[in-house]
Amino acid sequence: MRRFRFGAVVREAGSGAAWAEKARRLEAQGYDVLLVPDHLVGPRFAPIAALTAAACATTRLRVGTLVFANDFRHPAVLAKEAATLDLLSGGRLEVGIGTGWMARDYEGAGLTLEPPGVRVERLREAVAVLKGLWGDGPFSFQGKHYRIDGLDQRPKPLRRPPIALGGGGPRMLRLAAEEADVVNLGMRVRPDGSGPDDRDGGPAAFLRKIEIVREAAGDRYDALELGTSVVQVGERKAEEAWSAADSSSLGETPQVLLGTRADIIDQLRYWRDEHDISYFVVHHERDLDAFAPVVEELAT
């Protein structure tokens, strides 16, 4: 039986003290992981500094990203930053990483948003570099996008941080199945970076994503942790759901959990027991307190 885990996406606070209090509150409510996104636009903290502060304010809570944008950092730089944070947090870091996708980030920073295939290919190489640099001894790598020549970084992480890859398109799902420890199932994003593709919603598409992961993972499937982001909880109106997605298209998936606490618990058990989804990330801070009793009952 897969163990339930619960994450919470937190984006900002008015001060260091307020940020630390948010982290401690999540820890007290039983959440497993505090997660921050990685975008250049909008009211969001930068990941490394925010995660370091959250780790310093807590003792049990794990910290991670949903997700680092690979195009913003060379993987050798990220590997060193992540190893340092893992060491300072006592081994509590989880590294979620993706290609980078939001067009406004790229436009605002003068970066080129290359086609999805190029970004996924570059991400595959970046994951190999991260794993290699977190290992023992010097590491070398020769790829199309990155070259590492006998680099022996210090410090090393206390243990290799779990790597989470997410997405909804087949290429990203296959990469996650082959290389990740955690797979976060989401909606496919439009190639132009304008937002999620609402044609990719609904239970049939969600179940197909699980099958793609299962087929691509092969013998490693049972070791994977499958998760998804919960974008609507309780009786909230559809128009208040994730602004980048059509809430109605997510109905009947674990991304929209409607009903009483007992109803939601039944839904989560169904998705875990029947479809192996055991890691649920609350996407909006507005839902954290309402979801806390579910966490309290199901977290072990």
Protein backbone atom coordinates (compact mmCIF):
# COMPACT_ATOMS: atom_id res chain seq x y z
CA MET A 1 0.00 0.00 0.00
CA ARG A 2 1.43 3.35 -1.06
CA ARG A 3 1.76 5.87 1.75
CA PHE A 4 -0.10 9.15 1.37
CA ARG A 5 2.01 12.29 1.20
CA PHE A 6 0.81 15.87 1.09
CA GLY A 7 2.53 18.95 -0.25
CA ALA A 8 1.62 22.62 -0.22
CA VAL A 9 2.60 25.29 -2.73
CA VAL A 10 3.46 28.56 -0.98
CA ARG A 11 4.54 31.57 -2.98
CA GLU A 12 5.40 34.56 -0.79
CA ALA A 13 4.99 36.35 2.53
CA GLY A 14 5.27 39.89 3.78
CA SER A 15 8.39 39.29 5.86
CA GLY A 16 10.88 36.67 6.90
CA ALA A 17 8.96 36.13 10.13
CA ALA A 18 5.69 35.65 8.24
CA TRP A 19 7.34 33.19 5.86
CA ALA A 20 8.78 31.19 8.76
CA GLU A 21 5.35 31.14 10.40
CA LYS A 22 3.78 29.74 7.23
CA ALA A 23 6.35 26.95 7.18
CA ARG A 24 5.81 26.12 10.85
CA ARG A 25 2.04 26.12 10.37
CA LEU A 26 2.30 23.60 7.54
CA GLU A 27 4.54 21.42 9.67
CA ALA A 28 2.08 21.56 12.58
CA GLN A 29 -0.84 20.67 10.29
CA GLY A 30 0.94 17.52 9.11
CA TYR A 31 1.89 18.51 5.57
CA ASP A 32 4.97 16.66 4.36
CA VAL A 33 6.49 19.17 1.93
CA LEU A 34 6.54 22.94 1.41
CA LEU A 35 6.93 23.67 -2.29
CA VAL A 36 7.68 26.86 -4.17
CA PRO A 37 7.27 27.51 -7.91
CA ASP A 38 9.93 29.05 -10.12
CA HIS A 39 8.81 31.94 -12.33
CA LEU A 40 10.42 35.25 -13.13
CA VAL A 41 7.11 37.13 -13.28
CA GLY A 42 4.48 37.52 -10.61
CA PRO A 43 4.50 37.69 -6.80
CA ARG A 44 6.65 34.67 -5.99
CA PHE A 45 9.77 34.23 -3.89
CA ALA A 46 12.93 32.91 -5.52
CA PRO A 47 13.23 29.20 -4.70
CA ILE A 48 16.65 28.71 -3.11
CA ALA A 49 16.43 31.53 -0.58
CA ALA A 50 12.80 30.75 0.26
CA LEU A 51 13.45 27.04 0.79
CA THR A 52 16.50 27.73 2.94
CA ALA A 53 14.49 30.02 5.20
CA ALA A 54 11.64 27.49 5.44
CA ALA A 55 14.05 24.68 6.31
CA CYS A 56 15.69 26.80 9.02
CA ALA A 57 12.28 27.51 10.57
CA THR A 58 11.23 23.84 10.78
CA THR A 59 12.57 20.47 11.86
CA ARG A 60 10.50 17.82 10.04
CA LEU A 61 8.99 19.57 7.04
CA ARG A 62 10.62 18.76 3.73
CA VAL A 63 11.21 21.54 1.22
CA GLY A 64 11.16 21.45 -2.54
CA THR A 65 10.23 23.04 -5.83
CA LEU A 66 7.27 22.65 -8.14
CA VAL A 67 9.33 23.15 -10.21
CA PHE A 68 12.74 24.61 -11.03
CA ALA A 69 12.74 25.90 -14.61
CA ASN A 70 15.73 24.23 -16.21
CA ASP A 71 16.23 27.00 -18.75
CA PHE A 72 16.92 29.53 -15.98
CA ARG A 73 20.04 27.80 -14.57
CA HIS A 74 22.93 25.70 -15.73
CA PRO A 75 22.55 22.28 -14.05
CA ALA A 76 26.06 22.51 -12.56
CA VAL A 77 25.00 25.68 -10.72
CA LEU A 78 21.74 24.10 -9.59
CA ALA A 79 23.53 20.92 -8.47
CA LYS A 80 25.78 22.89 -6.11
CA GLU A 81 22.98 25.07 -4.77
CA ALA A 82 20.79 22.03 -4.18
CA ALA A 83 23.54 20.00 -2.52
CA THR A 84 24.26 22.89 -0.16
CA LEU A 85 20.59 23.28 0.72
CA ASP A 86 20.19 19.55 1.26
CA LEU A 87 23.13 19.54 3.65
CA LEU A 88 21.97 22.60 5.57
CA SER A 89 18.42 21.24 5.87
CA GLY A 90 19.54 17.87 7.18
CA GLY A 91 18.62 16.01 4.00
CA ARG A 92 15.13 17.46 3.60
CA LEU A 93 15.35 18.72 0.03
CA GLU A 94 13.27 17.46 -2.90
CA VAL A 95 14.17 18.76 -6.35
CA GLY A 96 11.29 19.24 -8.73
CA ILE A 97 12.48 20.32 -12.15
CA GLY A 98 10.86 21.03 -15.49
CA THR A 99 11.76 22.52 -18.81
CA GLY A 100 10.45 26.02 -18.19
CA TRP A 101 7.30 26.84 -20.14
CA MET A 102 5.63 30.16 -19.34
CA ALA A 103 6.05 32.54 -22.28
CA ARG A 104 5.84 35.65 -20.09
CA ASP A 105 8.94 34.55 -18.16
CA TYR A 106 10.93 34.23 -21.35
CA GLU A 107 9.60 37.41 -22.92
CA GLY A 108 10.20 39.52 -19.83
CA ALA A 109 13.79 38.28 -19.41
CA GLY A 110 14.68 38.34 -23.09
CA LEU A 111 15.08 34.56 -23.23
CA THR A 112 14.23 32.36 -26.20
CA LEU A 113 11.38 29.93 -25.68
CA GLU A 114 12.49 27.06 -27.86
CA PRO A 115 10.19 24.30 -29.12
CA PRO A 116 9.02 21.72 -26.55
CA GLY A 117 11.17 18.93 -28.02
CA VAL A 118 14.36 20.98 -27.57
CA ARG A 119 13.46 21.89 -24.00
CA VAL A 120 12.66 18.29 -23.07
CA GLU A 121 15.92 17.08 -24.63
CA ARG A 122 17.84 19.70 -22.65
CA LEU A 123 16.02 18.73 -19.46
CA ARG A 124 16.96 15.08 -19.94
CA GLU A 125 20.62 16.09 -20.11
CA ALA A 126 20.23 18.36 -17.07
CA VAL A 127 18.84 15.50 -14.97
CA ALA A 128 21.83 13.36 -15.92
CA VAL A 129 24.18 16.17 -14.89
CA LEU A 130 22.44 16.64 -11.54
CA LYS A 131 22.63 12.96 -10.71
CA GLY A 132 26.24 12.75 -11.82
CA LEU A 133 27.43 15.75 -9.83
CA TRP A 134 25.65 14.52 -6.70
CA GLY A 135 27.58 11.24 -6.93
CA ASP A 136 31.05 10.43 -5.68
CA GLY A 137 34.17 11.76 -7.36
CA PRO A 138 34.70 13.81 -10.52
CA PHE A 139 31.98 13.75 -13.14
CA SER A 140 32.19 14.26 -16.89
CA PHE A 141 29.38 14.56 -19.41
CA GLN A 142 29.24 15.24 -23.12
CA GLY A 143 25.83 16.17 -24.46
CA LYS A 144 24.26 18.35 -27.09
CA HIS A 145 23.39 21.07 -24.58
CA TYR A 146 25.82 20.61 -21.68
CA ARG A 147 29.46 19.62 -21.26
CA ILE A 148 30.97 18.77 -17.86
CA ASP A 149 34.70 18.08 -17.69
CA GLY A 150 35.87 16.23 -14.60
CA LEU A 151 33.93 18.46 -12.19
CA ASP A 152 34.10 17.34 -8.55
CA GLN A 153 31.73 19.56 -6.59
CA ARG A 154 31.60 19.98 -2.84
CA PRO A 155 29.58 19.71 -0.73
CA LYS A 156 27.72 16.58 -1.66
CA PRO A 157 24.12 16.21 -0.51
CA LEU A 158 23.53 14.02 2.53
CA ARG A 159 21.77 11.70 0.11
CA ARG A 160 20.74 12.23 -3.48
CA PRO A 161 17.65 14.45 -3.28
CA PRO A 162 14.56 12.85 -4.78
CA ILE A 163 13.90 14.23 -8.24
CA ALA A 164 10.35 15.12 -9.22
CA LEU A 165 9.39 15.60 -12.85
CA GLY A 166 5.94 16.63 -13.90
CA GLY A 167 3.88 17.29 -16.94
CA GLY A 168 1.03 16.15 -19.09
CA GLY A 169 2.52 15.60 -22.52
CA PRO A 170 3.76 12.14 -23.54
CA ARG A 171 7.41 13.23 -23.91
CA MET A 172 7.58 14.67 -20.40
CA LEU A 173 5.70 11.74 -18.90
CA ARG A 174 8.07 9.23 -20.50
CA LEU A 175 11.10 11.17 -19.30
CA ALA A 176 9.64 11.28 -15.79
CA ALA A 177 8.91 7.56 -15.85
CA GLU A 178 12.47 6.78 -16.89
CA GLU A 179 14.42 9.22 -14.70
CA ALA A 180 12.36 10.62 -11.79
CA ASP A 181 11.60 9.42 -8.30
CA VAL A 182 8.33 11.36 -8.21
CA VAL A 183 5.98 11.94 -11.16
CA ASN A 184 3.53 14.84 -10.89
CA LEU A 185 0.69 14.41 -13.36
CA GLY A 186 -0.66 17.65 -14.75
CA MET A 187 -2.23 19.15 -17.83
CA ARG A 188 -0.23 19.45 -21.01
CA VAL A 189 0.86 23.04 -21.68
CA ARG A 190 0.49 24.77 -25.01
CA PRO A 191 3.68 24.85 -27.12
CA ASP A 192 3.61 28.65 -27.20
CA GLY A 193 3.76 28.88 -23.41
CA SER A 194 0.44 30.69 -23.08
CA GLY A 195 -0.94 28.25 -20.50
CA PRO A 196 -2.26 24.73 -19.96
CA ASP A 197 -4.17 23.13 -22.81
CA ASP A 198 -7.73 22.73 -21.52
CA ARG A 199 -8.37 20.05 -24.14
CA ASP A 200 -6.16 17.80 -22.02
CA GLY A 201 -8.51 17.65 -19.03
CA GLY A 202 -10.94 15.06 -17.75
CA PRO A 203 -10.69 11.55 -16.34
CA ALA A 204 -9.90 9.75 -19.59
CA ALA A 205 -6.88 11.96 -20.28
CA PHE A 206 -5.73 11.65 -16.66
CA LEU A 207 -5.94 7.86 -16.69
CA ARG A 208 -4.07 7.76 -19.99
CA LYS A 209 -1.20 9.68 -18.36
CA ILE A 210 -0.92 7.00 -15.70
CA GLU A 211 -0.77 4.34 -18.40
CA ILE A 212 1.96 6.20 -20.27
CA VAL A 213 4.02 6.35 -17.08
CA ARG A 214 3.42 2.68 -16.33
CA GLU A 215 4.44 1.60 -19.82
CA ALA A 216 7.54 3.78 -19.94
CA ALA A 217 8.69 2.95 -16.40
CA GLY A 218 8.66 -0.81 -16.85
CA ASP A 219 10.31 -2.50 -13.89
CA ARG A 220 10.80 0.80 -12.05
CA TYR A 221 7.09 1.57 -11.87
CA ASP A 222 6.56 0.17 -8.38
CA ALA A 223 9.34 2.38 -7.02
CA LEU A 224 7.83 5.57 -8.43
CA GLU A 225 5.70 7.93 -6.40
CA LEU A 226 2.80 9.27 -8.46
CA GLY A 227 1.20 12.56 -7.55
CA THR A 228 -0.82 15.47 -8.83
CA SER A 229 -1.73 19.03 -7.93
CA VAL A 230 -5.10 19.69 -6.31
CA VAL A 231 -6.40 22.98 -7.72
CA GLN A 232 -9.88 23.06 -6.17
CA VAL A 233 -11.12 21.82 -2.80
CA GLY A 234 -14.55 21.76 -1.18
CA GLU A 235 -17.61 23.51 -2.59
CA ARG A 236 -15.82 26.42 -4.26
CA LYS A 237 -17.30 27.73 -7.48
CA ALA A 238 -15.62 26.65 -10.67
CA GLU A 239 -14.66 30.20 -11.64
CA GLU A 240 -12.52 30.44 -8.49
CA ALA A 241 -10.38 27.47 -9.51
CA TRP A 242 -6.92 27.62 -11.04
CA SER A 243 -7.08 30.57 -13.41
CA ALA A 244 -4.91 28.80 -15.99
CA ALA A 245 -7.19 25.78 -16.30
CA ASP A 246 -10.79 25.02 -17.08
CA SER A 247 -11.99 23.63 -13.75
CA SER A 248 -14.87 21.77 -15.33
CA SER A 249 -12.43 19.83 -17.50
CA LEU A 250 -10.61 18.65 -14.37
CA GLY A 251 -13.73 17.30 -12.72
CA GLU A 252 -13.74 13.61 -11.87
CA THR A 253 -9.96 13.71 -11.48
CA PRO A 254 -8.04 14.06 -8.21
CA GLN A 255 -7.18 17.64 -9.22
CA VAL A 256 -10.66 18.76 -8.18
CA LEU A 257 -11.86 17.43 -4.82
CA LEU A 258 -15.43 18.44 -4.00
CA GLY A 259 -17.63 17.50 -1.10
CA THR A 260 -17.30 16.98 2.63
CA ARG A 261 -14.13 15.90 4.37
CA ALA A 262 -15.36 12.29 4.30
CA ASP A 263 -16.12 12.59 0.57
CA ILE A 264 -12.65 13.92 -0.17
CA ILE A 265 -10.98 11.22 1.91
CA ASP A 266 -12.94 8.58 0.01
CA GLN A 267 -11.83 10.13 -3.29
CA LEU A 268 -8.18 10.15 -2.28
CA ARG A 269 -8.30 6.54 -1.14
CA TYR A 270 -9.90 5.59 -4.43
CA TRP A 271 -7.19 7.27 -6.47
CA ARG A 272 -4.47 5.70 -4.37
CA ASP A 273 -5.89 2.20 -4.15
CA GLU A 274 -7.14 1.95 -7.73
CA HIS A 275 -4.69 4.14 -9.66
CA ASP A 276 -1.54 4.49 -7.48
CA ILE A 277 -1.82 8.28 -6.95
CA SER A 278 -0.58 8.85 -3.41
CA TYR A 279 1.06 12.31 -3.39
CA PHE A 280 -1.31 15.27 -3.40
CA VAL A 281 -0.12 18.86 -3.65
CA VAL A 282 -2.49 21.67 -2.66
CA HIS A 283 -1.91 24.32 -5.32
CA HIS A 284 -3.57 27.34 -3.66
CA GLU A 285 -2.86 28.70 -0.19
CA ARG A 286 -6.58 29.50 0.18
CA ASP A 287 -7.27 25.75 0.44
CA LEU A 288 -4.58 24.78 2.95
CA ASP A 289 -6.60 25.19 6.15
CA ALA A 290 -9.66 23.49 4.65
CA PHE A 291 -7.53 20.56 3.51
CA ALA A 292 -5.64 20.24 6.81
CA PRO A 293 -8.21 17.88 8.46
CA VAL A 294 -7.83 15.53 5.47
CA VAL A 295 -4.06 15.61 5.93
CA GLU A 296 -4.43 14.93 9.62
CA GLU A 297 -6.58 11.85 9.01
CA LEU A 298 -4.60 10.31 6.15
CA ALA A 299 -0.97 11.22 6.89
CA THR A 300 0.94 8.47 8.69
